[in-house]
Amino acid sequence: MAFNPPSWCLADLCVPDIQEYLKEKDLVMIPIGSIEQHGLHLPLITDAAQGLEIARRAAAKARVLYTPVLWFGYSPHHLGRVGEGTGTITLRALTLMNVLYDIVRSLIHSGFKKFVIVNNQGSNMKVLDPILRKLHYDTGAFICCSKLYGERYMGLIKDVMENPPNETPGWHSSELETAQILAYDERLVRMERAVNEITHPPAWLPKGFKKSDGAPDVQFQGFEYFVFPMEHRDFSDTGTIGNPLRATKEKGEKTYELYSDHLAAAVKEFEKIEVQLKVQEFTDRAL
């Protein structure tokens, strides 16, 4: 492909650049994250920075465009107590759905047909399915979502992380996130504030219930059949879930490369898909 832009970020390009790209390709990635508290040692930008970095690297490898990151996500449980000053900014579920819908419909109007949502915040997944389906049903566009982060599934990065399962390497502000922000911009990480914190069940639950990580599931009699709308502070006093103390910049680089390699390989396969749009014009674009 002769197209050789100064950047693979759509917002960095001029109109003729995008027109030239669309002669060859019709796929674009949309990274999303959140602006939410990440314990005492990581910046609020953590999720958004991870999504952006993975998309940026994958875009260069696959030679496809990506949009600027959608900074804000679905984070109501991270607001904290009134007046606590966490700085968290959350979008309501319908707001996030509508913002993503408008972004994709605008890009379909321009000529894009395939969309990869590069999500890096677990709670966003709670609200993404209906809007991904609506976009596909309304327009016929190809749309999917990647979940290139840890939490309960180490997957590609299991050999990079050193924390044992009880130290939840992939959870909030633990080994993985700390390593990736060290690789993103180590000036933003305050390791002198980092703590090793294991989750506990909310104080309002009776004895006998257990909480092992940041998932909404709570264990009772050895089984996880119950889900509660909990606040993050209900089970984590500092906001950290796990042990960030083994994190290194080198681990962050390795995980970014593993994730972006995987995403780039998938994107190259998605490019082979033929898409016939049912609707292209974004007529309902004013109100």
C-alpha atoms as a PDB file:
ATOM      1  CA  MET A   1       0.000   0.000   0.000  1.00  0.00           C
ATOM      2  CA  ALA A   2       1.500   3.332  -1.080  1.00  0.00           C
ATOM      3  CA  PHE A   3      -0.346   5.289   1.592  1.00  0.00           C
ATOM      4  CA  ASN A   4       2.335   6.483   4.017  1.00  0.00           C
ATOM      5  CA  PRO A   5       0.893   9.034   6.463  1.00  0.00           C
ATOM      6  CA  PRO A   6       2.875  11.015   9.054  1.00  0.00           C
ATOM      7  CA  SER A   7       0.665   9.392  11.707  1.00  0.00           C
ATOM      8  CA  TRP A   8      -1.874   6.579  11.839  1.00  0.00           C
ATOM      9  CA  CYS A   9      -4.113   8.683  14.091  1.00  0.00           C
ATOM     10  CA  LEU A  10      -7.083   9.913  12.068  1.00  0.00           C
ATOM     11  CA  ALA A  11      -7.113  13.264  13.870  1.00  0.00           C
ATOM     12  CA  ASP A  12      -3.525  13.998  12.827  1.00  0.00           C
ATOM     13  CA  LEU A  13      -4.384  13.745   9.128  1.00  0.00           C
ATOM     14  CA  CYS A  14      -5.785  16.154   6.550  1.00  0.00           C
ATOM     15  CA  VAL A  15      -8.883  15.465   4.465  1.00  0.00           C
ATOM     16  CA  PRO A  16      -6.923  14.348   1.345  1.00  0.00           C
ATOM     17  CA  ASP A  17      -4.997  11.852   3.515  1.00  0.00           C
ATOM     18  CA  ILE A  18      -8.196  10.234   4.784  1.00  0.00           C
ATOM     19  CA  GLN A  19      -9.640  10.172   1.266  1.00  0.00           C
ATOM     20  CA  GLU A  20      -6.502   8.434   0.022  1.00  0.00           C
ATOM     21  CA  TYR A  21      -6.692   5.865   2.839  1.00  0.00           C
ATOM     22  CA  LEU A  22     -10.335   5.089   2.051  1.00  0.00           C
ATOM     23  CA  LYS A  23      -9.399   4.161  -1.515  1.00  0.00           C
ATOM     24  CA  GLU A  24      -7.558   1.162  -0.068  1.00  0.00           C
ATOM     25  CA  LYS A  25      -9.051   0.388   3.342  1.00  0.00           C
ATOM     26  CA  ASP A  26     -12.277   0.881   5.269  1.00  0.00           C
ATOM     27  CA  LEU A  27     -11.294  -0.160   8.807  1.00  0.00           C
ATOM     28  CA  VAL A  28     -10.616   2.093  11.776  1.00  0.00           C
ATOM     29  CA  MET A  29      -9.901   1.387  15.441  1.00  0.00           C
ATOM     30  CA  ILE A  30     -11.505   3.353  18.273  1.00  0.00           C
ATOM     31  CA  PRO A  31      -9.654   3.100  21.616  1.00  0.00           C
ATOM     32  CA  ILE A  32     -11.706   3.765  24.748  1.00  0.00           C
ATOM     33  CA  GLY A  33     -10.864   3.772  28.449  1.00  0.00           C
ATOM     34  CA  SER A  34     -11.842   5.862  31.436  1.00  0.00           C
ATOM     35  CA  ILE A  35     -10.764   8.675  33.713  1.00  0.00           C
ATOM     36  CA  GLU A  36     -11.026   7.084  37.139  1.00  0.00           C
ATOM     37  CA  GLN A  37      -9.143   6.649  40.377  1.00  0.00           C
ATOM     38  CA  HIS A  38      -6.359   4.073  40.233  1.00  0.00           C
ATOM     39  CA  GLY A  39      -5.231   3.715  43.805  1.00  0.00           C
ATOM     40  CA  LEU A  40      -2.650   5.963  45.397  1.00  0.00           C
ATOM     41  CA  HIS A  41       0.156   5.594  42.860  1.00  0.00           C
ATOM     42  CA  LEU A  42      -1.350   5.564  39.346  1.00  0.00           C
ATOM     43  CA  PRO A  43      -2.904   8.479  37.407  1.00  0.00           C
ATOM     44  CA  LEU A  44      -6.573   8.740  36.547  1.00  0.00           C
ATOM     45  CA  ILE A  45      -5.654   8.393  32.861  1.00  0.00           C
ATOM     46  CA  THR A  46      -4.486   4.785  33.337  1.00  0.00           C
ATOM     47  CA  ASP A  47      -7.220   2.923  31.406  1.00  0.00           C
ATOM     48  CA  ALA A  48      -7.372   5.486  28.605  1.00  0.00           C
ATOM     49  CA  ALA A  49      -3.580   5.534  28.269  1.00  0.00           C
ATOM     50  CA  GLN A  50      -3.423   1.748  27.985  1.00  0.00           C
ATOM     51  CA  GLY A  51      -6.129   1.624  25.326  1.00  0.00           C
ATOM     52  CA  LEU A  52      -4.468   4.404  23.364  1.00  0.00           C
ATOM     53  CA  GLU A  53      -1.003   2.837  23.524  1.00  0.00           C
ATOM     54  CA  ILE A  54      -2.213  -0.586  22.399  1.00  0.00           C
ATOM     55  CA  ALA A  55      -4.206   0.915  19.512  1.00  0.00           C
ATOM     56  CA  ARG A  56      -1.321   3.197  18.493  1.00  0.00           C
ATOM     57  CA  ARG A  57       1.148   0.326  18.292  1.00  0.00           C
ATOM     58  CA  ALA A  58      -1.269  -2.033  16.559  1.00  0.00           C
ATOM     59  CA  ALA A  59      -2.207   0.626  14.011  1.00  0.00           C
ATOM     60  CA  ALA A  60       1.411   1.077  12.952  1.00  0.00           C
ATOM     61  CA  LYS A  61       1.893  -2.689  12.644  1.00  0.00           C
ATOM     62  CA  ALA A  62      -1.305  -3.291  10.674  1.00  0.00           C
ATOM     63  CA  ARG A  63      -1.134   0.032   8.789  1.00  0.00           C
ATOM     64  CA  VAL A  64      -4.660   1.062   9.702  1.00  0.00           C
ATOM     65  CA  LEU A  65      -6.102   4.221  11.210  1.00  0.00           C
ATOM     66  CA  TYR A  66      -7.225   4.772  14.777  1.00  0.00           C
ATOM     67  CA  THR A  67      -9.189   7.635  16.299  1.00  0.00           C
ATOM     68  CA  PRO A  68      -8.168   9.688  19.314  1.00  0.00           C
ATOM     69  CA  VAL A  69      -8.973   7.790  22.494  1.00  0.00           C
ATOM     70  CA  LEU A  70     -12.424   8.174  24.033  1.00  0.00           C
ATOM     71  CA  TRP A  71     -11.114   9.220  27.427  1.00  0.00           C
ATOM     72  CA  PHE A  72     -14.276   8.852  29.476  1.00  0.00           C
ATOM     73  CA  GLY A  73     -16.042   5.584  30.264  1.00  0.00           C
ATOM     74  CA  TYR A  74     -18.566   3.939  32.556  1.00  0.00           C
ATOM     75  CA  SER A  75     -17.105   4.340  36.061  1.00  0.00           C
ATOM     76  CA  PRO A  76     -19.930   5.109  38.543  1.00  0.00           C
ATOM     77  CA  HIS A  77     -18.447   2.816  41.188  1.00  0.00           C
ATOM     78  CA  HIS A  78     -15.163   4.760  41.183  1.00  0.00           C
ATOM     79  CA  LEU A  79     -16.594   8.174  42.102  1.00  0.00           C
ATOM     80  CA  GLY A  80     -15.941   7.518  45.786  1.00  0.00           C
ATOM     81  CA  ARG A  81     -17.664   9.180  48.688  1.00  0.00           C
ATOM     82  CA  VAL A  82     -19.182  12.640  48.246  1.00  0.00           C
ATOM     83  CA  GLY A  83     -16.432  15.233  48.582  1.00  0.00           C
ATOM     84  CA  GLU A  84     -13.672  12.615  48.682  1.00  0.00           C
ATOM     85  CA  GLY A  85     -11.883  14.154  45.715  1.00  0.00           C
ATOM     86  CA  THR A  86     -11.119  11.098  43.603  1.00  0.00           C
ATOM     87  CA  GLY A  87     -11.415  13.160  40.414  1.00  0.00           C
ATOM     88  CA  THR A  88     -13.168  10.290  38.646  1.00  0.00           C
ATOM     89  CA  ILE A  89     -15.340  11.314  35.685  1.00  0.00           C
ATOM     90  CA  THR A  90     -18.045   8.867  34.656  1.00  0.00           C
ATOM     91  CA  LEU A  91     -20.445   8.789  31.760  1.00  0.00           C
ATOM     92  CA  ARG A  92     -23.864   7.339  32.385  1.00  0.00           C
ATOM     93  CA  ALA A  93     -24.537   4.146  30.452  1.00  0.00           C
ATOM     94  CA  LEU A  94     -26.821   5.822  27.916  1.00  0.00           C
ATOM     95  CA  THR A  95     -24.364   8.688  27.482  1.00  0.00           C
ATOM     96  CA  LEU A  96     -21.515   6.327  26.653  1.00  0.00           C
ATOM     97  CA  MET A  97     -23.752   4.420  24.247  1.00  0.00           C
ATOM     98  CA  ASN A  98     -24.826   7.612  22.501  1.00  0.00           C
ATOM     99  CA  VAL A  99     -21.283   9.002  22.245  1.00  0.00           C
ATOM    100  CA  LEU A 100     -19.961   5.785  20.732  1.00  0.00           C
ATOM    101  CA  TYR A 101     -22.945   5.554  18.394  1.00  0.00           C
ATOM    102  CA  ASP A 102     -22.357   9.089  17.103  1.00  0.00           C
ATOM    103  CA  ILE A 103     -18.630   8.466  16.615  1.00  0.00           C
ATOM    104  CA  VAL A 104     -19.219   5.343  14.554  1.00  0.00           C
ATOM    105  CA  ARG A 105     -22.124   6.789  12.548  1.00  0.00           C
ATOM    106  CA  SER A 106     -19.992   9.842  11.690  1.00  0.00           C
ATOM    107  CA  LEU A 107     -17.203   7.594  10.420  1.00  0.00           C
ATOM    108  CA  ILE A 108     -19.626   5.438   8.439  1.00  0.00           C
ATOM    109  CA  HIS A 109     -20.865   8.651   6.791  1.00  0.00           C
ATOM    110  CA  SER A 110     -17.262   9.338   5.698  1.00  0.00           C
ATOM    111  CA  GLY A 111     -16.833   5.886   4.166  1.00  0.00           C
ATOM    112  CA  PHE A 112     -15.544   3.562   6.891  1.00  0.00           C
ATOM    113  CA  LYS A 113     -17.259   0.173   7.135  1.00  0.00           C
ATOM    114  CA  LYS A 114     -15.300  -1.789   9.745  1.00  0.00           C
ATOM    115  CA  PHE A 115     -14.750  -0.780  13.366  1.00  0.00           C
ATOM    116  CA  VAL A 116     -12.649  -2.281  16.142  1.00  0.00           C
ATOM    117  CA  ILE A 117     -13.378  -0.859  19.577  1.00  0.00           C
ATOM    118  CA  VAL A 118     -10.161  -1.172  21.585  1.00  0.00           C
ATOM    119  CA  ASN A 119     -11.600  -1.190  25.094  1.00  0.00           C
ATOM    120  CA  ASN A 120      -9.345  -1.030  28.136  1.00  0.00           C
ATOM    121  CA  GLN A 121     -11.823  -0.657  30.966  1.00  0.00           C
ATOM    122  CA  GLY A 122     -13.679  -3.688  32.246  1.00  0.00           C
ATOM    123  CA  SER A 123     -16.838  -1.889  33.329  1.00  0.00           C
ATOM    124  CA  ASN A 124     -17.316  -0.424  29.847  1.00  0.00           C
ATOM    125  CA  MET A 125     -18.140  -3.948  28.725  1.00  0.00           C
ATOM    126  CA  LYS A 126     -21.300  -3.843  30.860  1.00  0.00           C
ATOM    127  CA  VAL A 127     -22.833  -1.276  28.508  1.00  0.00           C
ATOM    128  CA  LEU A 128     -21.133  -1.901  25.147  1.00  0.00           C
ATOM    129  CA  ASP A 129     -23.030  -4.938  23.860  1.00  0.00           C
ATOM    130  CA  PRO A 130     -26.376  -3.197  23.155  1.00  0.00           C
ATOM    131  CA  ILE A 131     -24.770  -0.323  21.266  1.00  0.00           C
ATOM    132  CA  LEU A 132     -22.474  -2.560  19.215  1.00  0.00           C
ATOM    133  CA  ARG A 133     -25.518  -4.573  18.215  1.00  0.00           C
ATOM    134  CA  LYS A 134     -27.553  -1.454  17.394  1.00  0.00           C
ATOM    135  CA  LEU A 135     -24.795  -0.093  15.162  1.00  0.00           C
ATOM    136  CA  HIS A 136     -24.574  -3.382  13.301  1.00  0.00           C
ATOM    137  CA  TYR A 137     -28.330  -3.815  13.012  1.00  0.00           C
ATOM    138  CA  ASP A 138     -28.906  -0.198  11.923  1.00  0.00           C
ATOM    139  CA  THR A 139     -26.133   0.039   9.336  1.00  0.00           C
ATOM    140  CA  GLY A 140     -24.728  -3.384   8.484  1.00  0.00           C
ATOM    141  CA  ALA A 141     -21.234  -2.251   9.502  1.00  0.00           C
ATOM    142  CA  PHE A 142     -18.729  -4.765  10.842  1.00  0.00           C
ATOM    143  CA  ILE A 143     -18.038  -3.938  14.471  1.00  0.00           C
ATOM    144  CA  CYS A 144     -16.246  -5.765  17.262  1.00  0.00           C
ATOM    145  CA  CYS A 145     -14.613  -5.033  20.591  1.00  0.00           C
ATOM    146  CA  SER A 146     -11.240  -6.170  21.952  1.00  0.00           C
ATOM    147  CA  LYS A 147     -10.526  -6.681  25.662  1.00  0.00           C
ATOM    148  CA  LEU A 148      -6.735  -6.504  25.787  1.00  0.00           C
ATOM    149  CA  TYR A 149      -6.296  -6.329  29.542  1.00  0.00           C
ATOM    150  CA  GLY A 150      -5.838  -8.762  32.419  1.00  0.00           C
ATOM    151  CA  GLU A 151      -8.300  -9.015  35.292  1.00  0.00           C
ATOM    152  CA  ARG A 152      -9.219 -12.713  35.597  1.00  0.00           C
ATOM    153  CA  TYR A 153      -7.686 -13.806  32.273  1.00  0.00           C
ATOM    154  CA  MET A 154      -3.935 -13.457  31.806  1.00  0.00           C
ATOM    155  CA  GLY A 155      -3.922 -15.028  28.345  1.00  0.00           C
ATOM    156  CA  LEU A 156      -1.035 -13.706  26.250  1.00  0.00           C
ATOM    157  CA  ILE A 157       0.812 -12.144  29.180  1.00  0.00           C
ATOM    158  CA  LYS A 158       0.783 -14.995  31.711  1.00  0.00           C
ATOM    159  CA  ASP A 159       4.522 -15.608  31.297  1.00  0.00           C
ATOM    160  CA  VAL A 160       5.362 -11.925  31.833  1.00  0.00           C
ATOM    161  CA  MET A 161       3.484 -11.395  35.089  1.00  0.00           C
ATOM    162  CA  GLU A 162       5.148 -12.626  38.295  1.00  0.00           C
ATOM    163  CA  ASN A 163       2.370 -12.070  40.824  1.00  0.00           C
ATOM    164  CA  PRO A 164       0.646 -15.285  41.946  1.00  0.00           C
ATOM    165  CA  PRO A 165      -3.133 -15.460  41.408  1.00  0.00           C
ATOM    166  CA  ASN A 166      -3.904 -14.346  44.961  1.00  0.00           C
ATOM    167  CA  GLU A 167      -2.054 -11.078  44.221  1.00  0.00           C
ATOM    168  CA  THR A 168      -4.318 -10.498  41.180  1.00  0.00           C
ATOM    169  CA  PRO A 169      -1.682  -9.318  38.665  1.00  0.00           C
ATOM    170  CA  GLY A 170      -4.236  -8.109  36.116  1.00  0.00           C
ATOM    171  CA  TRP A 171      -6.520  -6.164  38.423  1.00  0.00           C
ATOM    172  CA  HIS A 172      -6.905  -2.505  39.326  1.00  0.00           C
ATOM    173  CA  SER A 173      -3.520  -0.785  39.767  1.00  0.00           C
ATOM    174  CA  SER A 174      -1.768  -4.124  40.328  1.00  0.00           C
ATOM    175  CA  GLU A 175       1.276  -5.475  38.476  1.00  0.00           C
ATOM    176  CA  LEU A 176       0.003  -5.199  34.881  1.00  0.00           C
ATOM    177  CA  GLU A 177      -1.491  -1.711  35.012  1.00  0.00           C
ATOM    178  CA  THR A 178       1.452  -0.330  36.951  1.00  0.00           C
ATOM    179  CA  ALA A 179       3.915  -1.850  34.474  1.00  0.00           C
ATOM    180  CA  GLN A 180       2.022  -0.482  31.486  1.00  0.00           C
ATOM    181  CA  ILE A 181       1.855   3.057  32.857  1.00  0.00           C
ATOM    182  CA  LEU A 182       5.570   2.878  33.673  1.00  0.00           C
ATOM    183  CA  ALA A 183       6.068   2.048  29.978  1.00  0.00           C
ATOM    184  CA  TYR A 184       3.606   4.745  28.876  1.00  0.00           C
ATOM    185  CA  ASP A 185       5.114   7.549  31.001  1.00  0.00           C
ATOM    186  CA  GLU A 186       7.039   6.585  34.126  1.00  0.00           C
ATOM    187  CA  ARG A 187       6.859  10.180  35.404  1.00  0.00           C
ATOM    188  CA  LEU A 188       3.176   9.604  36.155  1.00  0.00           C
ATOM    189  CA  VAL A 189       3.768   6.657  38.509  1.00  0.00           C
ATOM    190  CA  ARG A 190       4.384   7.329  42.225  1.00  0.00           C
ATOM    191  CA  MET A 191       5.762   4.003  43.379  1.00  0.00           C
ATOM    192  CA  GLU A 192       6.544   5.385  46.829  1.00  0.00           C
ATOM    193  CA  ARG A 193       2.773   5.448  47.379  1.00  0.00           C
ATOM    194  CA  ALA A 194       2.085   1.951  46.045  1.00  0.00           C
ATOM    195  CA  VAL A 195       0.518  -0.560  48.420  1.00  0.00           C
ATOM    196  CA  ASN A 196      -0.228  -4.278  48.258  1.00  0.00           C
ATOM    197  CA  GLU A 197      -3.937  -4.578  48.982  1.00  0.00           C
ATOM    198  CA  ILE A 198      -6.178  -7.625  48.929  1.00  0.00           C
ATOM    199  CA  THR A 199      -9.913  -7.124  48.512  1.00  0.00           C
ATOM    200  CA  HIS A 200     -12.401  -7.747  51.314  1.00  0.00           C
ATOM    201  CA  PRO A 201     -16.170  -8.286  51.264  1.00  0.00           C
ATOM    202  CA  PRO A 202     -18.334  -5.204  51.783  1.00  0.00           C
ATOM    203  CA  ALA A 203     -19.002  -4.467  55.443  1.00  0.00           C
ATOM    204  CA  TRP A 204     -22.746  -4.520  54.779  1.00  0.00           C
ATOM    205  CA  LEU A 205     -22.714  -8.198  53.778  1.00  0.00           C
ATOM    206  CA  PRO A 206     -23.168 -10.869  56.481  1.00  0.00           C
ATOM    207  CA  LYS A 207     -20.224 -13.048  57.471  1.00  0.00           C
ATOM    208  CA  GLY A 208     -19.658 -15.964  55.144  1.00  0.00           C
ATOM    209  CA  PHE A 209     -19.414 -13.928  51.940  1.00  0.00           C
ATOM    210  CA  LYS A 210     -15.965 -13.566  50.322  1.00  0.00           C
ATOM    211  CA  LYS A 211     -14.527 -11.211  47.689  1.00  0.00           C
ATOM    212  CA  SER A 212     -11.374 -12.226  45.802  1.00  0.00           C
ATOM    213  CA  ASP A 213     -10.965  -9.478  43.183  1.00  0.00           C
ATOM    214  CA  GLY A 214     -12.736  -6.590  41.467  1.00  0.00           C
ATOM    215  CA  ALA A 215     -15.416  -8.588  39.647  1.00  0.00           C
ATOM    216  CA  PRO A 216     -19.007  -7.977  40.740  1.00  0.00           C
ATOM    217  CA  ASP A 217     -19.298 -11.607  41.841  1.00  0.00           C
ATOM    218  CA  VAL A 218     -19.220 -12.436  45.549  1.00  0.00           C
ATOM    219  CA  GLN A 219     -18.493 -15.913  46.853  1.00  0.00           C
ATOM    220  CA  PHE A 220     -20.856 -17.664  49.264  1.00  0.00           C
ATOM    221  CA  GLN A 221     -20.338 -21.221  50.517  1.00  0.00           C
ATOM    222  CA  GLY A 222     -17.575 -21.633  47.928  1.00  0.00           C
ATOM    223  CA  PHE A 223     -19.693 -20.605  44.908  1.00  0.00           C
ATOM    224  CA  GLU A 224     -20.092 -17.361  42.948  1.00  0.00           C
ATOM    225  CA  TYR A 225     -23.786 -17.072  42.185  1.00  0.00           C
ATOM    226  CA  PHE A 226     -24.476 -13.569  43.513  1.00  0.00           C
ATOM    227  CA  VAL A 227     -23.731 -10.171  41.960  1.00  0.00           C
ATOM    228  CA  PHE A 228     -24.137  -6.840  43.758  1.00  0.00           C
ATOM    229  CA  PRO A 229     -23.960  -3.207  42.568  1.00  0.00           C
ATOM    230  CA  MET A 230     -20.972  -2.402  44.763  1.00  0.00           C
ATOM    231  CA  GLU A 231     -18.866   0.700  45.102  1.00  0.00           C
ATOM    232  CA  HIS A 232     -15.135   0.203  44.607  1.00  0.00           C
ATOM    233  CA  ARG A 233     -14.561   1.514  48.119  1.00  0.00           C
ATOM    234  CA  ASP A 234     -16.793  -1.277  49.474  1.00  0.00           C
ATOM    235  CA  PHE A 235     -14.061  -3.828  48.875  1.00  0.00           C
ATOM    236  CA  SER A 236     -10.851  -1.805  48.394  1.00  0.00           C
ATOM    237  CA  ASP A 237      -9.774   0.817  50.919  1.00  0.00           C
ATOM    238  CA  THR A 238      -7.146   2.506  48.726  1.00  0.00           C
ATOM    239  CA  GLY A 239      -8.475   1.692  45.246  1.00  0.00           C
ATOM    240  CA  THR A 240      -5.738  -0.853  44.525  1.00  0.00           C
ATOM    241  CA  ILE A 241      -6.581  -4.516  43.967  1.00  0.00           C
ATOM    242  CA  GLY A 242      -3.452  -6.632  44.165  1.00  0.00           C
ATOM    243  CA  ASN A 243       0.279  -6.093  44.383  1.00  0.00           C
ATOM    244  CA  PRO A 244       1.881  -3.432  42.162  1.00  0.00           C
ATOM    245  CA  LEU A 245       5.321  -3.766  43.743  1.00  0.00           C
ATOM    246  CA  ARG A 246       6.719  -6.241  41.181  1.00  0.00           C
ATOM    247  CA  ALA A 247       5.832  -4.015  38.219  1.00  0.00           C
ATOM    248  CA  THR A 248       8.592  -2.810  35.894  1.00  0.00           C
ATOM    249  CA  LYS A 249       8.728  -0.689  32.771  1.00  0.00           C
ATOM    250  CA  GLU A 250      10.170  -3.672  30.892  1.00  0.00           C
ATOM    251  CA  LYS A 251       7.128  -5.790  31.712  1.00  0.00           C
ATOM    252  CA  GLY A 252       4.905  -3.002  30.472  1.00  0.00           C
ATOM    253  CA  GLU A 253       6.755  -2.870  27.158  1.00  0.00           C
ATOM    254  CA  LYS A 254       6.501  -6.641  26.722  1.00  0.00           C
ATOM    255  CA  THR A 255       2.768  -6.680  27.399  1.00  0.00           C
ATOM    256  CA  TYR A 256       2.117  -3.742  25.068  1.00  0.00           C
ATOM    257  CA  GLU A 257       3.978  -5.565  22.308  1.00  0.00           C
ATOM    258  CA  LEU A 258       2.153  -8.856  22.914  1.00  0.00           C
ATOM    259  CA  TYR A 259      -1.243  -7.184  22.958  1.00  0.00           C
ATOM    260  CA  SER A 260      -0.591  -4.951  19.947  1.00  0.00           C
ATOM    261  CA  ASP A 261       0.848  -7.841  17.910  1.00  0.00           C
ATOM    262  CA  HIS A 262      -2.306  -9.833  18.610  1.00  0.00           C
ATOM    263  CA  LEU A 263      -4.583  -6.932  17.745  1.00  0.00           C
ATOM    264  CA  ALA A 264      -2.688  -6.140  14.542  1.00  0.00           C
ATOM    265  CA  ALA A 265      -2.911  -9.776  13.417  1.00  0.00           C
ATOM    266  CA  ALA A 266      -6.661  -9.812  14.043  1.00  0.00           C
ATOM    267  CA  VAL A 267      -7.140  -6.512  12.209  1.00  0.00           C
ATOM    268  CA  LYS A 268      -5.393  -7.910   9.132  1.00  0.00           C
ATOM    269  CA  GLU A 269      -7.907 -10.750   9.137  1.00  0.00           C
ATOM    270  CA  PHE A 270     -10.829  -8.363   9.589  1.00  0.00           C
ATOM    271  CA  GLU A 271      -9.683  -6.449   6.510  1.00  0.00           C
ATOM    272  CA  LYS A 272     -10.586  -9.493   4.387  1.00  0.00           C
ATOM    273  CA  ILE A 273     -14.271  -9.293   5.372  1.00  0.00           C
ATOM    274  CA  GLU A 274     -16.619  -7.907   2.725  1.00  0.00           C
ATOM    275  CA  VAL A 275     -19.174  -5.459   4.124  1.00  0.00           C
ATOM    276  CA  GLN A 276     -22.250  -4.113   2.405  1.00  0.00           C
ATOM    277  CA  LEU A 277     -23.731  -1.189   4.320  1.00  0.00           C
ATOM    278  CA  LYS A 278     -27.489  -0.945   4.606  1.00  0.00           C
ATOM    279  CA  VAL A 279     -27.294   2.706   5.654  1.00  0.00           C
ATOM    280  CA  GLN A 280     -24.399   5.118   5.201  1.00  0.00           C
ATOM    281  CA  GLU A 281     -25.715   8.643   5.541  1.00  0.00           C
ATOM    282  CA  PHE A 282     -25.943   9.916   9.123  1.00  0.00           C
ATOM    283  CA  THR A 283     -29.238  11.733   8.674  1.00  0.00           C
ATOM    284  CA  ASP A 284     -30.253  11.891  12.341  1.00  0.00           C
ATOM    285  CA  ARG A 285     -27.092  13.798  13.265  1.00  0.00           C
ATOM    286  CA  ALA A 286     -28.348  17.024  14.795  1.00  0.00           C
ATOM    287  CA  LEU A 287     -30.585  16.194  17.747  1.00  0.00           C
END
